[in-house]
Protein backbone atom coordinates (compact mmCIF):
# COMPACT_ATOMS: atom_id res chain seq x y z
CA MET A 1 0.00 0.00 0.00
CA VAL A 2 2.79 2.41 0.93
CA LYS A 3 4.69 1.67 -2.29
CA ASN A 4 1.53 2.28 -4.30
CA LEU A 5 1.02 5.58 -2.49
CA ARG A 6 4.57 6.68 -3.26
CA ARG A 7 4.13 5.72 -6.91
CA LYS A 8 0.84 7.61 -7.01
CA TYR A 9 2.48 10.71 -5.58
CA SER A 10 5.26 10.62 -8.17
CA SER A 11 2.67 10.80 -10.92
CA ILE A 12 0.76 13.48 -9.01
CA LEU A 13 3.81 15.72 -8.76
CA PHE A 14 4.41 15.33 -12.48
CA ILE A 15 0.82 16.45 -13.12
CA ALA A 16 1.34 19.44 -10.83
CA ILE A 17 4.37 20.52 -12.83
CA CYS A 18 2.37 20.18 -16.03
CA VAL A 19 -0.30 22.41 -14.49
CA SER A 20 2.24 25.18 -14.03
CA PHE A 21 3.28 25.05 -17.68
CA VAL A 22 -0.35 25.10 -18.82
CA VAL A 23 -0.92 28.12 -16.62
CA VAL A 24 2.03 29.88 -18.23
CA ALA A 25 0.75 29.08 -21.71
CA LEU A 26 -2.75 30.31 -20.98
CA SER A 27 -1.80 33.42 -19.05
CA GLY A 28 -1.51 35.58 -22.16
CA ILE A 29 -5.05 34.71 -23.20
CA SER A 30 -6.37 35.27 -19.70
CA LEU A 31 -4.68 38.63 -19.48
CA SER A 32 -6.23 40.02 -22.63
CA LYS A 33 -9.69 38.92 -21.50
CA ALA A 34 -9.19 40.24 -17.99
CA TYR A 35 -7.86 43.57 -19.19
CA ALA A 36 -10.85 43.91 -21.49
CA GLN A 37 -13.26 43.11 -18.67
CA SER A 38 -11.51 45.47 -16.27
CA SER A 39 -11.42 48.24 -18.85
CA ASN A 40 -15.09 47.87 -19.68
CA ALA A 41 -16.05 47.79 -16.02
CA ASP A 42 -14.02 50.84 -15.07
CA GLN A 43 -14.56 53.06 -18.12
CA ALA A 44 -17.43 55.00 -16.68
CA CYS A 45 -17.80 58.54 -15.51
CA ASP A 46 -20.69 60.07 -13.60
CA ASP A 47 -23.19 59.56 -16.42
CA GLY A 48 -21.96 56.02 -17.08
CA LYS A 49 -20.24 56.81 -20.39
CA TYR A 50 -17.29 58.69 -21.82
CA ASP A 51 -15.28 58.82 -25.00
CA PRO A 52 -13.02 55.70 -25.24
CA SER A 53 -10.47 57.81 -27.09
CA ASP A 54 -9.94 59.88 -23.95
CA TYR A 55 -6.74 58.13 -22.88
CA LYS A 56 -6.24 60.31 -19.82
CA LYS A 57 -9.64 59.37 -18.45
CA TRP A 58 -9.05 55.71 -19.30
CA LYS A 59 -5.71 55.74 -17.49
CA GLU A 60 -7.25 57.33 -14.41
CA THR A 61 -10.01 54.74 -14.15
CA PHE A 62 -8.29 51.59 -15.43
CA LYS A 63 -7.45 48.90 -12.88
CA ALA A 64 -5.46 45.88 -13.97
CA THR A 65 -6.84 42.52 -12.86
CA PRO A 66 -4.54 40.77 -10.35
CA VAL A 67 -2.62 37.88 -11.88
CA GLU A 68 -4.11 35.42 -9.38
CA ASP A 69 -7.62 36.34 -10.49
CA MET A 70 -6.66 35.78 -14.11
CA VAL A 71 -4.98 32.42 -13.57
CA PHE A 72 -7.00 30.65 -10.87
CA ARG A 73 -10.74 30.15 -11.17
CA LYS A 74 -12.96 31.47 -8.44
CA ASN A 75 -14.21 28.05 -7.42
CA LYS A 76 -13.03 25.01 -5.48
CA ARG A 77 -11.08 23.68 -8.46
CA GLY A 78 -9.21 26.96 -8.60
CA CYS A 79 -8.22 26.47 -4.95
CA ALA A 80 -6.63 23.14 -5.85
CA HIS A 81 -4.82 24.59 -8.86
CA ARG A 82 -3.39 27.36 -6.68
CA MET A 83 -2.06 24.76 -4.24
CA ALA A 84 -0.51 22.68 -7.04
CA PHE A 85 1.10 25.83 -8.40
CA THR A 86 2.62 26.62 -4.99
CA MET A 87 3.90 23.06 -4.62
CA VAL A 88 5.70 23.30 -7.97
CA LEU A 89 7.48 26.46 -6.80
CA ILE A 90 8.40 24.80 -3.49
CA LYS A 91 9.80 21.78 -5.35
CA HIS A 92 11.96 24.03 -7.50
CA PHE A 93 13.14 25.95 -4.44
CA LYS A 94 14.08 22.78 -2.54
CA SER A 95 15.99 21.40 -5.52
CA GLY A 96 17.92 24.63 -5.92
CA GLU A 97 16.92 24.77 -9.59
CA GLY A 98 15.35 28.20 -9.47
CA ILE A 99 12.38 28.99 -11.71
CA ASP A 100 14.02 30.66 -14.70
CA ASP A 101 12.90 27.78 -16.91
CA ILE A 102 9.21 28.15 -16.01
CA ALA A 103 8.96 31.88 -15.34
CA LYS A 104 9.65 33.20 -18.84
CA SER A 105 6.15 34.54 -19.37
CA PRO A 106 6.17 38.37 -19.30
CA ILE A 107 2.81 38.23 -17.53
CA LEU A 108 3.08 35.30 -15.15
CA GLY A 109 6.85 35.48 -14.64
CA PRO A 110 6.87 38.45 -12.22
CA TYR A 111 4.11 36.83 -10.15
CA MET A 112 5.98 33.52 -10.01
CA ASN A 113 9.18 35.25 -8.95
CA GLU A 114 7.27 37.13 -6.25
CA GLN A 115 5.82 33.89 -4.87
CA TYR A 116 9.21 32.19 -5.10
CA ASP A 117 10.78 35.01 -3.09
CA LEU A 118 8.08 34.59 -0.44
CA ILE A 119 8.97 30.90 -0.13
CA ARG A 120 12.62 31.85 0.29
CA ALA A 121 11.74 34.39 2.97
CA LYS A 122 9.37 32.11 4.90
CA GLY A 123 11.21 28.84 4.53
CA VAL A 124 9.77 25.64 3.10
CA THR A 125 7.94 24.40 6.19
CA LYS A 126 6.13 27.67 6.88
CA ALA A 127 5.28 28.05 3.18
CA GLN A 128 3.81 24.54 3.09
CA LYS A 129 1.83 25.09 6.28
CA GLU A 130 0.40 28.37 4.99
CA MET A 131 -0.41 26.66 1.70
CA LEU A 132 -2.49 24.05 3.53
CA GLU A 133 -4.23 26.71 5.59
CA SER A 134 -4.86 28.78 2.47
CA TYR A 135 -6.47 25.80 0.75
CA GLN A 136 -8.90 25.37 3.63
CA SER A 137 -9.91 29.02 3.67
CA CYS A 138 -10.14 29.12 -0.12
CA ILE A 139 -12.57 26.20 -0.14
CA LYS A 140 -14.73 27.84 2.53
CA GLU A 141 -14.83 31.16 0.67
CA ALA A 142 -15.22 29.83 -2.88
CA PRO A 143 -18.59 30.81 -4.39
CA GLU A 144 -20.92 27.97 -5.30
CA ASP A 145 -21.23 26.97 -8.93
CA GLU A 146 -24.49 27.98 -10.61
CA ASP A 147 -24.98 24.36 -11.64
CA PRO A 148 -25.96 22.37 -8.52
CA SER A 149 -24.63 19.12 -9.99
CA GLU A 150 -21.26 20.73 -10.75
CA GLU A 151 -21.09 22.19 -7.26
CA TYR A 152 -21.85 18.75 -5.83
CA ASP A 153 -18.96 17.24 -7.80
CA LEU A 154 -16.59 20.02 -6.74
CA ASN A 155 -17.53 19.57 -3.11
CA MET A 156 -17.22 15.78 -3.21
CA ARG A 157 -13.70 16.11 -4.58
CA TYR A 158 -12.10 19.34 -3.41
CA GLY A 159 -14.31 19.86 -0.37
CA ALA A 160 -13.51 16.35 0.85
CA CYS A 161 -9.80 17.03 0.37
CA SER A 162 -10.15 20.16 2.49
CA LYS A 163 -11.61 18.04 5.29
CA LEU A 164 -8.65 15.67 4.92
CA ASP A 165 -6.39 18.72 5.09
CA THR A 166 -7.95 19.74 8.41
CA ILE A 167 -7.50 16.28 9.90
CA LEU A 168 -3.90 15.88 8.76
CA MET A 169 -2.87 19.30 10.02
CA ASP A 170 -4.49 18.56 13.37
CA THR A 171 -2.67 15.22 13.43
CA VAL A 172 0.66 16.97 12.90
CA GLU A 173 -0.08 19.36 15.77
CA SER A 174 -1.20 16.43 17.95
CA ILE A 175 2.09 14.66 17.30
CA LYS A 176 3.97 17.87 18.06
CA ASN A 177 2.09 18.12 21.38
CA ARG A 178 2.70 14.43 22.15
CA ARG A 179 -0.91 13.34 21.92
CA SER A 180 -1.55 9.69 21.18
CA ILE A 181 -2.80 8.34 17.86
CA ASN A 182 -5.86 6.99 19.68
CA SER A 183 -6.86 10.51 20.70
CA VAL A 184 -6.76 11.63 17.07
CA MET A 185 -8.62 8.59 15.80
CA SER A 186 -11.37 8.93 18.39
CA LYS A 187 -11.74 12.61 17.58
CA TYR A 188 -12.39 12.03 13.88
CA GLU A 189 -13.48 8.42 13.46
CA ARG A 190 -17.15 9.39 13.14
CA SER A 191 -16.46 12.20 10.69
CA PHE A 192 -13.84 10.83 8.31
CA PRO A 193 -14.46 12.51 4.94
CA ASP A 194 -15.73 10.48 2.03
CA LEU A 195 -12.77 10.33 -0.39
CA SER A 196 -14.48 8.06 -2.92
CA GLU A 197 -14.55 10.85 -5.52
CA THR A 198 -10.92 11.85 -5.01
CA ALA A 199 -7.59 10.44 -6.17
CA TYR A 200 -7.67 8.15 -3.12
CA SER A 201 -10.87 6.37 -4.13
CA GLU A 202 -9.11 3.01 -4.50
CA ILE A 203 -7.38 3.10 -1.12
CA GLU A 204 -9.19 1.26 1.65
CA ASP A 205 -9.77 3.46 4.71
CA PRO A 206 -7.40 6.19 3.51
CA VAL A 207 -7.83 8.62 6.43
CA PRO A 208 -6.82 6.19 9.22
CA LEU A 209 -3.99 5.02 6.96
CA PHE A 210 -2.66 8.55 6.51
CA ILE A 211 -2.94 9.34 10.22
CA GLY A 212 -0.98 6.20 10.98
CA ARG A 213 1.64 7.07 8.37
CA LEU A 214 2.15 10.48 9.96
CA TYR A 215 2.82 8.87 13.33
CA GLN A 216 5.23 6.44 11.66
CA LYS A 217 6.96 9.34 9.92
CA ALA A 218 7.38 11.07 13.26
CA GLN A 219 9.13 8.04 14.74
CA SER A 220 11.38 7.40 11.75
CA SER A 221 12.36 11.07 11.38
CA GLU A 222 13.47 11.26 15.01
CA ALA A 223 15.48 8.06 14.61
CA GLU A 224 17.19 9.52 11.55
CA GLY A 225 17.92 12.84 13.24
CA GLN A 226 15.57 14.84 11.01
CA ASN A 227 13.37 17.73 12.05
CA LYS A 228 10.13 15.93 12.84
CA TYR A 229 7.83 18.88 12.26
CA ASP A 230 9.39 19.67 8.88
CA VAL A 231 8.98 16.07 7.75
CA LEU A 232 5.35 15.89 8.89
CA ILE A 233 4.27 19.15 7.26
CA GLU A 234 5.89 18.12 3.99
CA TYR A 235 4.23 14.71 4.04
CA ALA A 236 0.82 16.19 4.93
CA SER A 237 1.12 18.67 2.05
CA GLN A 238 1.93 15.82 -0.34
CA LEU A 239 -1.11 13.88 0.80
CA VAL A 240 -3.49 16.83 0.48
CA LEU A 241 -2.17 17.77 -2.96
CA GLY A 242 -2.46 14.14 -4.00
CA CYS A 243 -6.09 14.10 -2.92
CA THR A 244 -7.01 16.95 -5.28
CA LEU A 245 -5.43 15.63 -8.47
């Protein structure tokens, strides 16, 4: 089971990297649409209209759409794409590769470099923890899809992964505070999320398995002289990302 999970994650990380390149390729298209929408929305004076040829007025009222709003959809799927995007940057940072090879877009490049610099300033562990927290809040704040059936699908997949996120982060904190695995299991055993519509649909009892793996990771990391908290946050982030893909 563990070997299968590791193999699954390898393919997941490859998909995440592909996502970043697709984002770069599509950013130019998104920008032109977003600029047009922003321009149309803001080109209005007191009576609601003015001459489009009035560049001065246009410049005063124009507001560029933030890159994040252009790239990531305002729904639960967009929350997952944002997390995958962050994980790609973290992977590049940890490898020491830099992001010159994937940040060539004149539109997305500056944003990627900005996020990369934030990872450098925060450190990997803090960046991963904030990424997991951001995913939870993003899911809670994401507007519902107009199509009830689509919203149901989004919630069954990305909403369920957010619940897994909550449990895994709490497990990490429980390990840090020396609470037993039984205390975590008893806390969540009646509310384990249904992951049947996620990437973990074929794993039997995935949530108890992942909780157990975190406790095993804690023991092995201490034996190997690693920073336990760093190892656990990284592993939890891998599991949550894997859930969404």
